[in-house]
Each structure stands twice: as C-alpha cells, then as structure tokens.
Amino acid sequence: RGLIHYPKVLFLDEPTLGLDAQTRRKIWDYIRFLNIHYK
C-alpha cells in the first residue's frame, strides 16, 4: 500500500515489529528489493 503511488521516499517505522524470524527475513528481502529495483 505504501508503494502504490510510487513514492520517492519511503518511511518504515519498525517494519518487522512482532514478526517471527523467518517472516522478518522475508520482509528484509522485500525492503532491499524496493531500494535496489526502484532506486
């Protein structure tokens, strides 16, 4: 939802708070993808 309007700057406040370790790692991969793919 935060990406739907193609923002130039994305603010993530505790993006993996309360998630298990495996899910946190997946979220990390998504965050890295956004940073690299969308600059």
PDB file of all heavy atoms in Angstrom:
ATOM      1  N   ARG A   1       0.826  -1.209   0.000  1.00  0.00           N
ATOM      2  CA  ARG A   1       0.000   0.000   0.000  1.00  0.00           C
ATOM      3  C   ARG A   1       0.859   1.258   0.000  1.00  0.00           C
ATOM      4  O   ARG A   1       0.544   2.257  -0.654  1.00  0.00           O
ATOM      5  CB  ARG A   1      -0.921  -0.006   1.223  1.00  0.00           C
ATOM      6  CG  ARG A   1      -1.951   1.106   1.211  1.00  0.00           C
ATOM      7  CD  ARG A   1      -2.806   1.059   2.449  1.00  0.00           C
ATOM      8  NE  ARG A   1      -2.001   1.232   3.667  1.00  0.00           N
ATOM      9  CZ  ARG A   1      -2.520   1.232   4.890  1.00  0.00           C
ATOM     10  NH1 ARG A   1      -3.810   1.025   5.071  1.00  0.00           N
ATOM     11  NH2 ARG A   1      -1.732   1.405   5.941  1.00  0.00           N
ATOM     12  N   GLY A   2       1.969   1.205   0.736  1.00  0.00           N
ATOM     13  CA  GLY A   2       2.861   2.358   0.772  1.00  0.00           C
ATOM     14  C   GLY A   2       3.554   2.630  -0.544  1.00  0.00           C
ATOM     15  O   GLY A   2       4.091   3.719  -0.768  1.00  0.00           O
ATOM     16  N   LEU A   3       3.549   1.632  -1.442  1.00  0.00           N
ATOM     17  CA  LEU A   3       4.229   1.775  -2.733  1.00  0.00           C
ATOM     18  C   LEU A   3       3.299   2.171  -3.872  1.00  0.00           C
ATOM     19  O   LEU A   3       3.764   2.487  -4.962  1.00  0.00           O
ATOM     20  CB  LEU A   3       4.884   0.433  -3.119  1.00  0.00           C
ATOM     21  CG  LEU A   3       5.903  -0.150  -2.163  1.00  0.00           C
ATOM     22  CD1 LEU A   3       6.358  -1.516  -2.665  1.00  0.00           C
ATOM     23  CD2 LEU A   3       7.082   0.779  -2.033  1.00  0.00           C
ATOM     24  N   ILE A   4       1.990   2.140  -3.636  1.00  0.00           N
ATOM     25  CA  ILE A   4       1.020   2.207  -4.726  1.00  0.00           C
ATOM     26  C   ILE A   4       1.147   3.485  -5.556  1.00  0.00           C
ATOM     27  O   ILE A   4       0.834   3.513  -6.742  1.00  0.00           O
ATOM     28  CB  ILE A   4      -0.413   2.054  -4.171  1.00  0.00           C
ATOM     29  CG1 ILE A   4      -1.389   1.632  -5.267  1.00  0.00           C
ATOM     30  CG2 ILE A   4      -0.875   3.329  -3.480  1.00  0.00           C
ATOM     31  CD1 ILE A   4      -1.222   0.203  -5.721  1.00  0.00           C
ATOM     32  N   HIS A   5       1.632   4.564  -4.945  1.00  0.00           N
ATOM     33  CA  HIS A   5       1.740   5.837  -5.662  1.00  0.00           C
ATOM     34  C   HIS A   5       3.184   6.140  -6.079  1.00  0.00           C
ATOM     35  O   HIS A   5       3.501   7.270  -6.448  1.00  0.00           O
ATOM     36  CB  HIS A   5       1.200   6.980  -4.803  1.00  0.00           C
ATOM     37  CG  HIS A   5       1.897   7.140  -3.494  1.00  0.00           C
ATOM     38  ND1 HIS A   5       1.859   6.177  -2.509  1.00  0.00           N
ATOM     39  CD2 HIS A   5       2.647   8.155  -2.982  1.00  0.00           C
ATOM     40  CE1 HIS A   5       2.556   6.601  -1.463  1.00  0.00           C
ATOM     41  NE2 HIS A   5       3.058   7.792  -1.731  1.00  0.00           N
ATOM     42  N   TYR A   6       4.041   5.095  -6.054  1.00  0.00           N
ATOM     43  CA  TYR A   6       5.447   5.228  -6.451  1.00  0.00           C
ATOM     44  C   TYR A   6       6.149   6.363  -5.701  1.00  0.00           C
ATOM     45  O   TYR A   6       6.607   7.331  -6.294  1.00  0.00           O
ATOM     46  CB  TYR A   6       5.563   5.460  -7.957  1.00  0.00           C
ATOM     47  CG  TYR A   6       5.072   4.342  -8.830  1.00  0.00           C
ATOM     48  CD1 TYR A   6       4.813   4.557 -10.181  1.00  0.00           C
ATOM     49  CD2 TYR A   6       4.868   3.057  -8.331  1.00  0.00           C
ATOM     50  CE1 TYR A   6       4.367   3.530 -11.006  1.00  0.00           C
ATOM     51  CE2 TYR A   6       4.417   2.029  -9.143  1.00  0.00           C
ATOM     52  CZ  TYR A   6       4.160   2.265 -10.478  1.00  0.00           C
ATOM     53  OH  TYR A   6       3.714   1.249 -11.278  1.00  0.00           O
ATOM     54  N   PRO A   7       6.238   6.278  -4.385  1.00  0.00           N
ATOM     55  CA  PRO A   7       6.866   7.363  -3.614  1.00  0.00           C
ATOM     56  C   PRO A   7       8.357   7.453  -3.885  1.00  0.00           C
ATOM     57  O   PRO A   7       9.008   6.455  -4.197  1.00  0.00           O
ATOM     58  CB  PRO A   7       6.608   6.949  -2.161  1.00  0.00           C
ATOM     59  CG  PRO A   7       6.537   5.457  -2.205  1.00  0.00           C
ATOM     60  CD  PRO A   7       5.857   5.137  -3.511  1.00  0.00           C
ATOM     61  N   LYS A   8       8.867   8.668  -3.755  1.00  0.00           N
ATOM     62  CA  LYS A   8      10.312   8.859  -3.876  1.00  0.00           C
ATOM     63  C   LYS A   8      11.029   8.493  -2.573  1.00  0.00           C
ATOM     64  O   LYS A   8      12.184   8.058  -2.602  1.00  0.00           O
ATOM     65  CB  LYS A   8      10.621  10.316  -4.244  1.00  0.00           C
ATOM     66  CG  LYS A   8      10.209  10.687  -5.659  1.00  0.00           C
ATOM     67  CD  LYS A   8      10.628  12.115  -5.985  1.00  0.00           C
ATOM     68  CE  LYS A   8      10.277  12.475  -7.423  1.00  0.00           C
ATOM     69  NZ  LYS A   8      10.687  13.863  -7.751  1.00  0.00           N
ATOM     70  N   VAL A   9      10.336   8.701  -1.455  1.00  0.00           N
ATOM     71  CA  VAL A   9      10.912   8.410  -0.143  1.00  0.00           C
ATOM     72  C   VAL A   9       9.917   7.560   0.638  1.00  0.00           C
ATOM     73  O   VAL A   9       8.738   7.906   0.725  1.00  0.00           O
ATOM     74  CB  VAL A   9      11.222   9.700   0.647  1.00  0.00           C
ATOM     75  CG1 VAL A   9      11.865   9.355   1.988  1.00  0.00           C
ATOM     76  CG2 VAL A   9      12.132  10.625  -0.157  1.00  0.00           C
ATOM     77  N   LEU A  10      10.410   6.453   1.198  1.00  0.00           N
ATOM     78  CA  LEU A  10       9.562   5.546   1.971  1.00  0.00           C
ATOM     79  C   LEU A  10      10.042   5.532   3.419  1.00  0.00           C
ATOM     80  O   LEU A  10      11.223   5.304   3.690  1.00  0.00           O
ATOM     81  CB  LEU A  10       9.620   4.138   1.384  1.00  0.00           C
ATOM     82  CG  LEU A  10       8.780   3.063   2.069  1.00  0.00           C
ATOM     83  CD1 LEU A  10       7.285   3.380   1.945  1.00  0.00           C
ATOM     84  CD2 LEU A  10       9.079   1.692   1.461  1.00  0.00           C
ATOM     85  N   PHE A  11       9.114   5.781   4.350  1.00  0.00           N
ATOM     86  CA  PHE A  11       9.421   5.743   5.778  1.00  0.00           C
ATOM     87  C   PHE A  11       8.871   4.447   6.368  1.00  0.00           C
ATOM     88  O   PHE A  11       7.671   4.161   6.237  1.00  0.00           O
ATOM     89  CB  PHE A  11       8.804   6.942   6.502  1.00  0.00           C
ATOM     90  CG  PHE A  11       9.411   8.262   6.125  1.00  0.00           C
ATOM     91  CD1 PHE A  11       8.864   9.020   5.101  1.00  0.00           C
ATOM     92  CD2 PHE A  11      10.528   8.739   6.792  1.00  0.00           C
ATOM     93  CE1 PHE A  11       9.422  10.242   4.748  1.00  0.00           C
ATOM     94  CE2 PHE A  11      11.096   9.962   6.452  1.00  0.00           C
ATOM     95  CZ  PHE A  11      10.546  10.712   5.419  1.00  0.00           C
ATOM     96  N   LEU A  12       9.738   3.690   7.006  1.00  0.00           N
ATOM     97  CA  LEU A  12       9.347   2.418   7.631  1.00  0.00           C
ATOM     98  C   LEU A  12       9.592   2.517   9.128  1.00  0.00           C
ATOM     99  O   LEU A  12      10.742   2.573   9.574  1.00  0.00           O
ATOM    100  CB  LEU A  12      10.165   1.265   7.049  1.00  0.00           C
ATOM    101  CG  LEU A  12      10.057   1.031   5.540  1.00  0.00           C
ATOM    102  CD1 LEU A  12      11.020  -0.088   5.117  1.00  0.00           C
ATOM    103  CD2 LEU A  12       8.636   0.664   5.155  1.00  0.00           C
ATOM    104  N   ASP A  13       8.521   2.544   9.902  1.00  0.00           N
ATOM    105  CA  ASP A  13       8.638   2.653  11.351  1.00  0.00           C
ATOM    106  C   ASP A  13       8.467   1.263  11.959  1.00  0.00           C
ATOM    107  O   ASP A  13       7.360   0.725  11.990  1.00  0.00           O
ATOM    108  CB  ASP A  13       7.567   3.611  11.888  1.00  0.00           C
ATOM    109  CG  ASP A  13       7.723   3.875  13.376  1.00  0.00           C
ATOM    110  OD1 ASP A  13       8.825   3.628  13.919  1.00  0.00           O
ATOM    111  OD2 ASP A  13       6.739   4.326  14.000  1.00  0.00           O
ATOM    112  N   GLU A  14       9.566   0.665  12.404  1.00  0.00           N
ATOM    113  CA  GLU A  14       9.556  -0.682  12.990  1.00  0.00           C
ATOM    114  C   GLU A  14       8.836  -1.670  12.064  1.00  0.00           C
ATOM    115  O   GLU A  14       7.833  -2.278  12.447  1.00  0.00           O
ATOM    116  CB  GLU A  14       8.880  -0.663  14.367  1.00  0.00           C
ATOM    117  CG  GLU A  14       9.492   0.298  15.357  1.00  0.00           C
ATOM    118  CD  GLU A  14      10.765  -0.232  15.995  1.00  0.00           C
ATOM    119  OE1 GLU A  14      11.196  -1.330  15.633  1.00  0.00           O
ATOM    120  OE2 GLU A  14      11.320   0.470  16.855  1.00  0.00           O
ATOM    121  N   PRO A  15       9.324  -1.864  10.829  1.00  0.00           N
ATOM    122  CA  PRO A  15       8.563  -2.640   9.833  1.00  0.00           C
ATOM    123  C   PRO A  15       8.378  -4.102  10.168  1.00  0.00           C
ATOM    124  O   PRO A  15       7.471  -4.739   9.621  1.00  0.00           O
ATOM    125  CB  PRO A  15       9.406  -2.480   8.560  1.00  0.00           C
ATOM    126  CG  PRO A  15      10.788  -2.203   9.049  1.00  0.00           C
ATOM    127  CD  PRO A  15      10.610  -1.385  10.291  1.00  0.00           C
ATOM    128  N   THR A  16       9.199  -4.691  11.046  1.00  0.00           N
ATOM    129  CA  THR A  16       9.063  -6.114  11.346  1.00  0.00           C
ATOM    130  C   THR A  16       8.752  -6.359  12.812  1.00  0.00           C
ATOM    131  O   THR A  16       8.952  -7.464  13.315  1.00  0.00           O
ATOM    132  CB  THR A  16      10.348  -6.881  10.955  1.00  0.00           C
ATOM    133  OG1 THR A  16      11.441  -6.407  11.750  1.00  0.00           O
ATOM    134  CG2 THR A  16      10.672  -6.691   9.491  1.00  0.00           C
ATOM    135  N   LEU A  17       8.240  -5.352  13.495  1.00  0.00           N
ATOM    136  CA  LEU A  17       7.944  -5.476  14.922  1.00  0.00           C
ATOM    137  C   LEU A  17       6.947  -6.604  15.166  1.00  0.00           C
ATOM    138  O   LEU A  17       5.882  -6.670  14.553  1.00  0.00           O
ATOM    139  CB  LEU A  17       7.361  -4.159  15.449  1.00  0.00           C
ATOM    140  CG  LEU A  17       7.095  -4.085  16.952  1.00  0.00           C
ATOM    141  CD1 LEU A  17       8.405  -4.117  17.726  1.00  0.00           C
ATOM    142  CD2 LEU A  17       6.310  -2.829  17.289  1.00  0.00           C
ATOM    143  N   GLY A  18       7.304  -7.534  16.039  1.00  0.00           N
ATOM    144  CA  GLY A  18       6.401  -8.602  16.426  1.00  0.00           C
ATOM    145  C   GLY A  18       6.338  -9.782  15.482  1.00  0.00           C
ATOM    146  O   GLY A  18       5.602 -10.732  15.741  1.00  0.00           O
ATOM    147  N   LEU A  19       7.094  -9.758  14.392  1.00  0.00           N
ATOM    148  CA  LEU A  19       7.073 -10.868  13.435  1.00  0.00           C
ATOM    149  C   LEU A  19       8.117 -11.911  13.817  1.00  0.00           C
ATOM    150  O   LEU A  19       9.122 -11.606  14.454  1.00  0.00           O
ATOM    151  CB  LEU A  19       7.349 -10.352  12.019  1.00  0.00           C
ATOM    152  CG  LEU A  19       6.371  -9.308  11.469  1.00  0.00           C
ATOM    153  CD1 LEU A  19       6.786  -8.906  10.054  1.00  0.00           C
ATOM    154  CD2 LEU A  19       4.942  -9.840  11.471  1.00  0.00           C
ATOM    155  N   ASP A  20       7.872 -13.151  13.419  1.00  0.00           N
ATOM    156  CA  ASP A  20       8.847 -14.200  13.693  1.00  0.00           C
ATOM    157  C   ASP A  20      10.078 -14.014  12.817  1.00  0.00           C
ATOM    158  O   ASP A  20      10.057 -13.277  11.822  1.00  0.00           O
ATOM    159  CB  ASP A  20       8.232 -15.586  13.461  1.00  0.00           C
ATOM    160  CG  ASP A  20       7.791 -15.790  12.024  1.00  0.00           C
ATOM    161  OD1 ASP A  20       8.639 -16.167  11.191  1.00  0.00           O
ATOM    162  OD2 ASP A  20       6.607 -15.560  11.720  1.00  0.00           O
ATOM    163  N   ALA A  21      11.163 -14.707  13.169  1.00  0.00           N
ATOM    164  CA  ALA A  21      12.452 -14.504  12.499  1.00  0.00           C
ATOM    165  C   ALA A  21      12.381 -14.801  11.009  1.00  0.00           C
ATOM    166  O   ALA A  21      12.958 -14.068  10.196  1.00  0.00           O
ATOM    167  CB  ALA A  21      13.523 -15.376  13.159  1.00  0.00           C
ATOM    168  N   GLN A  22      11.687 -15.852  10.622  1.00  0.00           N
ATOM    169  CA  GLN A  22      11.599 -16.210   9.204  1.00  0.00           C
ATOM    170  C   GLN A  22      10.861 -15.147   8.409  1.00  0.00           C
ATOM    171  O   GLN A  22      11.298 -14.753   7.321  1.00  0.00           O
ATOM    172  CB  GLN A  22      10.903 -17.562   9.051  1.00  0.00           C
ATOM    173  CG  GLN A  22      10.864 -18.064   7.605  1.00  0.00           C
ATOM    174  CD  GLN A  22      10.213 -19.434   7.494  1.00  0.00           C
ATOM    175  OE1 GLN A  22       9.617 -19.920   8.444  1.00  0.00           O
ATOM    176  NE2 GLN A  22      10.318 -20.045   6.335  1.00  0.00           N
ATOM    177  N   THR A  23       9.744 -14.653   8.956  1.00  0.00           N
ATOM    178  CA  THR A  23       8.978 -13.615   8.262  1.00  0.00           C
ATOM    179  C   THR A  23       9.768 -12.318   8.195  1.00  0.00           C
ATOM    180  O   THR A  23       9.718 -11.598   7.196  1.00  0.00           O
ATOM    181  CB  THR A  23       7.632 -13.375   8.977  1.00  0.00           C
ATOM    182  OG1 THR A  23       6.932 -14.616   9.067  1.00  0.00           O
ATOM    183  CG2 THR A  23       6.778 -12.377   8.213  1.00  0.00           C
ATOM    184  N   ARG A  24      10.520 -12.010   9.276  1.00  0.00           N
ATOM    185  CA  ARG A  24      11.357 -10.806   9.257  1.00  0.00           C
ATOM    186  C   ARG A  24      12.334 -10.849   8.098  1.00  0.00           C
ATOM    187  O   ARG A  24      12.531  -9.858   7.389  1.00  0.00           O
ATOM    188  CB  ARG A  24      12.143 -10.683  10.574  1.00  0.00           C
ATOM    189  CG  ARG A  24      11.386 -10.048  11.698  1.00  0.00           C
ATOM    190  CD  ARG A  24      12.296  -9.296  12.655  1.00  0.00           C
ATOM    191  NE  ARG A  24      13.409 -10.092  13.130  1.00  0.00           N
ATOM    192  CZ  ARG A  24      13.387 -10.844  14.212  1.00  0.00           C
ATOM    193  NH1 ARG A  24      12.267 -10.972  14.895  1.00  0.00           N
ATOM    194  NH2 ARG A  24      14.460 -11.501  14.602  1.00  0.00           N
ATOM    195  N   ARG A  25      12.966 -12.000   7.895  1.00  0.00           N
ATOM    196  CA  ARG A  25      13.935 -12.132   6.804  1.00  0.00           C
ATOM    197  C   ARG A  25      13.283 -11.880   5.449  1.00  0.00           C
ATOM    198  O   ARG A  25      13.885 -11.255   4.558  1.00  0.00           O
ATOM    199  CB  ARG A  25      14.563 -13.527   6.823  1.00  0.00           C
ATOM    200  CG  ARG A  25      15.645 -13.690   7.880  1.00  0.00           C
ATOM    201  CD  ARG A  25      16.944 -13.061   7.425  1.00  0.00           C
ATOM    202  NE  ARG A  25      17.984 -13.157   8.430  1.00  0.00           N
ATOM    203  CZ  ARG A  25      19.235 -12.777   8.241  1.00  0.00           C
ATOM    204  NH1 ARG A  25      19.601 -12.251   7.088  1.00  0.00           N
ATOM    205  NH2 ARG A  25      20.131 -12.887   9.206  1.00  0.00           N
ATOM    206  N   LYS A  26      12.059 -12.357   5.265  1.00  0.00           N
ATOM    207  CA  LYS A  26      11.354 -12.128   4.002  1.00  0.00           C
ATOM    208  C   LYS A  26      11.077 -10.642   3.796  1.00  0.00           C
ATOM    209  O   LYS A  26      11.242 -10.121   2.692  1.00  0.00           O
ATOM    210  CB  LYS A  26      10.043 -12.927   3.975  1.00  0.00           C
ATOM    211  CG  LYS A  26      10.237 -14.430   3.864  1.00  0.00           C
ATOM    212  CD  LYS A  26       8.896 -15.145   3.824  1.00  0.00           C
ATOM    213  CE  LYS A  26       9.095 -16.650   3.696  1.00  0.00           C
ATOM    214  NZ  LYS A  26       7.803 -17.390   3.693  1.00  0.00           N
ATOM    215  N   ILE A  27      10.661  -9.973   4.883  1.00  0.00           N
ATOM    216  CA  ILE A  27      10.403  -8.534   4.787  1.00  0.00           C
ATOM    217  C   ILE A  27      11.700  -7.799   4.445  1.00  0.00           C
ATOM    218  O   ILE A  27      11.706  -6.850   3.644  1.00  0.00           O
ATOM    219  CB  ILE A  27       9.800  -7.998   6.097  1.00  0.00           C
ATOM    220  CG1 ILE A  27       8.440  -8.650   6.390  1.00  0.00           C
ATOM    221  CG2 ILE A  27       9.669  -6.481   6.042  1.00  0.00           C
ATOM    222  CD1 ILE A  27       7.361  -8.325   5.413  1.00  0.00           C
ATOM    223  N   TRP A  28      12.818  -8.226   5.056  1.00  0.00           N
ATOM    224  CA  TRP A  28      14.105  -7.612   4.723  1.00  0.00           C
ATOM    225  C   TRP A  28      14.387  -7.717   3.227  1.00  0.00           C
ATOM    226  O   TRP A  28      14.867  -6.757   2.615  1.00  0.00           O
ATOM    227  CB  TRP A  28      15.236  -8.291   5.486  1.00  0.00           C
ATOM    228  CG  TRP A  28      15.212  -8.105   6.957  1.00  0.00           C
ATOM    229  CD1 TRP A  28      14.314  -7.353   7.686  1.00  0.00           C
ATOM    230  CD2 TRP A  28      16.105  -8.676   7.907  1.00  0.00           C
ATOM    231  NE1 TRP A  28      14.603  -7.437   9.023  1.00  0.00           N
ATOM    232  CE2 TRP A  28      15.690  -8.239   9.198  1.00  0.00           C
ATOM    233  CE3 TRP A  28      17.209  -9.514   7.804  1.00  0.00           C
ATOM    234  CZ2 TRP A  28      16.349  -8.611  10.353  1.00  0.00           C
ATOM    235  CZ3 TRP A  28      17.875  -9.890   8.967  1.00  0.00           C
ATOM    236  CH2 TRP A  28      17.453  -9.447  10.214  1.00  0.00           C
ATOM    237  N   ASP A  29      14.108  -8.874   2.649  1.00  0.00           N
ATOM    238  CA  ASP A  29      14.350  -9.068   1.212  1.00  0.00           C
ATOM    239  C   ASP A  29      13.484  -8.132   0.387  1.00  0.00           C
ATOM    240  O   ASP A  29      13.941  -7.575  -0.621  1.00  0.00           O
ATOM    241  CB  ASP A  29      14.091 -10.523   0.825  1.00  0.00           C
ATOM    242  CG  ASP A  29      15.131 -11.484   1.385  1.00  0.00           C
ATOM    243  OD1 ASP A  29      16.247 -11.014   1.719  1.00  0.00           O
ATOM    244  OD2 ASP A  29      14.842 -12.684   1.495  1.00  0.00           O
ATOM    245  N   TYR A  30      12.211  -7.939   0.808  1.00  0.00           N
ATOM    246  CA  TYR A  30      11.331  -7.013   0.079  1.00  0.00           C
ATOM    247  C   TYR A  30      11.869  -5.593   0.162  1.00  0.00           C
ATOM    248  O   TYR A  30      11.866  -4.857  -0.833  1.00  0.00           O
ATOM    249  CB  TYR A  30       9.909  -7.060   0.646  1.00  0.00           C
ATOM    250  CG  TYR A  30       9.202  -8.376   0.445  1.00  0.00           C
ATOM    251  CD1 TYR A  30       8.596  -9.033   1.504  1.00  0.00           C
ATOM    252  CD2 TYR A  30       9.146  -8.977  -0.809  1.00  0.00           C
ATOM    253  CE1 TYR A  30       7.962 -10.249   1.335  1.00  0.00           C
ATOM    254  CE2 TYR A  30       8.514 -10.190  -0.982  1.00  0.00           C
ATOM    255  CZ  TYR A  30       7.922 -10.825   0.087  1.00  0.00           C
ATOM    256  OH  TYR A  30       7.294 -12.022  -0.086  1.00  0.00           O
ATOM    257  N   ILE A  31      12.320  -5.197   1.349  1.00  0.00           N
ATOM    258  CA  ILE A  31      12.835  -3.838   1.524  1.00  0.00           C
ATOM    259  C   ILE A  31      14.063  -3.613   0.649  1.00  0.00           C
ATOM    260  O   ILE A  31      14.191  -2.576  -0.018  1.00  0.00           O
ATOM    261  CB  ILE A  31      13.161  -3.584   3.008  1.00  0.00           C
ATOM    262  CG1 ILE A  31      11.873  -3.569   3.833  1.00  0.00           C
ATOM    263  CG2 ILE A  31      13.916  -2.266   3.180  1.00  0.00           C
ATOM    264  CD1 ILE A  31      12.101  -3.541   5.340  1.00  0.00           C
ATOM    265  N   ARG A  32      14.960  -4.577   0.623  1.00  0.00           N
ATOM    266  CA  ARG A  32      16.148  -4.460  -0.226  1.00  0.00           C
ATOM    267  C   ARG A  32      15.767  -4.378  -1.696  1.00  0.00           C
ATOM    268  O   ARG A  32      16.345  -3.611  -2.462  1.00  0.00           O
ATOM    269  CB  ARG A  32      17.082  -5.649   0.004  1.00  0.00           C
ATOM    270  CG  ARG A  32      18.095  -5.405   1.099  1.00  0.00           C
ATOM    271  CD  ARG A  32      19.215  -6.412   1.029  1.00  0.00           C
ATOM    272  NE  ARG A  32      20.382  -5.977   1.775  1.00  0.00           N
ATOM    273  CZ  ARG A  32      21.467  -6.705   1.941  1.00  0.00           C
ATOM    274  NH1 ARG A  32      21.532  -7.917   1.422  1.00  0.00           N
ATOM    275  NH2 ARG A  32      22.489  -6.251   2.626  1.00  0.00           N
ATOM    276  N   PHE A  33      14.787  -5.184  -2.105  1.00  0.00           N
ATOM    277  CA  PHE A  33      14.335  -5.167  -3.495  1.00  0.00           C
ATOM    278  C   PHE A  33      13.801  -3.793  -3.871  1.00  0.00           C
ATOM    279  O   PHE A  33      14.126  -3.258  -4.936  1.00  0.00           O
ATOM    280  CB  PHE A  33      13.254  -6.231  -3.703  1.00  0.00           C
ATOM    281  CG  PHE A  33      12.636  -6.203  -5.073  1.00  0.00           C
ATOM    282  CD1 PHE A  33      13.272  -6.808  -6.153  1.00  0.00           C
ATOM    283  CD2 PHE A  33      11.429  -5.560  -5.290  1.00  0.00           C
ATOM    284  CE1 PHE A  33      12.711  -6.776  -7.414  1.00  0.00           C
ATOM    285  CE2 PHE A  33      10.851  -5.522  -6.559  1.00  0.00           C
ATOM    286  CZ  PHE A  33      11.502  -6.138  -7.630  1.00  0.00           C
ATOM    287  N   LEU A  34      12.978  -3.203  -3.007  1.00  0.00           N
ATOM    288  CA  LEU A  34      12.418  -1.874  -3.279  1.00  0.00           C
ATOM    289  C   LEU A  34      13.526  -0.847  -3.436  1.00  0.00           C
ATOM    290  O   LEU A  34      13.494  -0.010  -4.346  1.00  0.00           O
ATOM    291  CB  LEU A  34      11.497  -1.447  -2.135  1.00  0.00           C
ATOM    292  CG  LEU A  34      10.284  -2.327  -1.865  1.00  0.00           C
ATOM    293  CD1 LEU A  34       9.544  -1.832  -0.639  1.00  0.00           C
ATOM    294  CD2 LEU A  34       9.374  -2.374  -3.067  1.00  0.00           C
ATOM    295  N   ASN A  35      14.485  -0.900  -2.536  1.00  0.00           N
ATOM    296  CA  ASN A  35      15.583   0.051  -2.557  1.00  0.00           C
ATOM    297  C   ASN A  35      16.400  -0.058  -3.833  1.00  0.00           C
ATOM    298  O   ASN A  35      16.739   0.949  -4.470  1.00  0.00           O
ATOM    299  CB  ASN A  35      16.458  -0.172  -1.323  1.00  0.00           C
ATOM    300  CG  ASN A  35      17.684   0.707  -1.297  1.00  0.00           C
ATOM    301  OD1 ASN A  35      18.799   0.208  -1.304  1.00  0.00           O
ATOM    302  ND2 ASN A  35      17.502   2.011  -1.284  1.00  0.00           N
ATOM    303  N   ILE A  36      16.704  -1.283  -4.251  1.00  0.00           N
ATOM    304  CA  ILE A  36      17.558  -1.501  -5.417  1.00  0.00           C
ATOM    305  C   ILE A  36      16.780  -1.346  -6.721  1.00  0.00           C
ATOM    306  O   ILE A  36      17.200  -0.623  -7.636  1.00  0.00           O
ATOM    307  CB  ILE A  36      18.216  -2.894  -5.351  1.00  0.00           C
ATOM    308  CG1 ILE A  36      19.167  -2.967  -4.147  1.00  0.00           C
ATOM    309  CG2 ILE A  36      18.975  -3.206  -6.634  1.00  0.00           C
ATOM    310  CD1 ILE A  36      19.679  -4.358  -3.847  1.00  0.00           C
ATOM    311  N   HIS A  37      15.608  -1.993  -6.811  1.00  0.00           N
ATOM    312  CA  HIS A  37      14.857  -2.023  -8.074  1.00  0.00           C
ATOM    313  C   HIS A  37      14.245  -0.674  -8.409  1.00  0.00           C
ATOM    314  O   HIS A  37      14.250  -0.250  -9.561  1.00  0.00           O
ATOM    315  CB  HIS A  37      13.760  -3.092  -7.992  1.00  0.00           C
ATOM    316  CG  HIS A  37      12.979  -3.254  -9.248  1.00  0.00           C
ATOM    317  ND1 HIS A  37      13.490  -3.903 -10.369  1.00  0.00           N
ATOM    318  CD2 HIS A  37      11.725  -2.846  -9.602  1.00  0.00           C
ATOM    319  CE1 HIS A  37      12.583  -3.896 -11.322  1.00  0.00           C
ATOM    320  NE2 HIS A  37      11.505  -3.259 -10.893  1.00  0.00           N
ATOM    321  N   TYR A  38      13.697  -0.003  -7.392  1.00  0.00           N
ATOM    322  CA  TYR A  38      13.011   1.269  -7.632  1.00  0.00           C
ATOM    323  C   TYR A  38      13.899   2.481  -7.343  1.00  0.00           C
ATOM    324  O   TYR A  38      13.443   3.614  -7.463  1.00  0.00           O
ATOM    325  CB  TYR A  38      11.757   1.356  -6.768  1.00  0.00           C
ATOM    326  CG  TYR A  38      10.655   0.416  -7.190  1.00  0.00           C
ATOM    327  CD1 TYR A  38      10.479  -0.801  -6.552  1.00  0.00           C
ATOM    328  CD2 TYR A  38       9.790   0.736  -8.221  1.00  0.00           C
ATOM    329  CE1 TYR A  38       9.472  -1.675  -6.923  1.00  0.00           C
ATOM    330  CE2 TYR A  38       8.778  -0.123  -8.604  1.00  0.00           C
ATOM    331  CZ  TYR A  38       8.619  -1.330  -7.954  1.00  0.00           C
ATOM    332  OH  TYR A  38       7.623  -2.197  -8.325  1.00  0.00           O
ATOM    333  N   LYS A  39      15.152   2.245  -6.925  1.00  0.00           N
ATOM    334  CA  LYS A  39      16.046   3.341  -6.533  1.00  0.00           C
ATOM    335  C   LYS A  39      15.382   4.218  -5.482  1.00  0.00           C
ATOM    336  O   LYS A  39      15.517   5.445  -5.460  1.00  0.00           O
ATOM    337  CB  LYS A  39      16.422   4.204  -7.747  1.00  0.00           C
ATOM    338  CG  LYS A  39      16.961   3.436  -8.926  1.00  0.00           C
ATOM    339  CD  LYS A  39      18.274   2.763  -8.620  1.00  0.00           C
ATOM    340  CE  LYS A  39      18.846   2.073  -9.855  1.00  0.00           C
ATOM    341  NZ  LYS A  39      20.008   1.233  -9.558  1.00  0.00           N
TER     342      LYS A  39
END
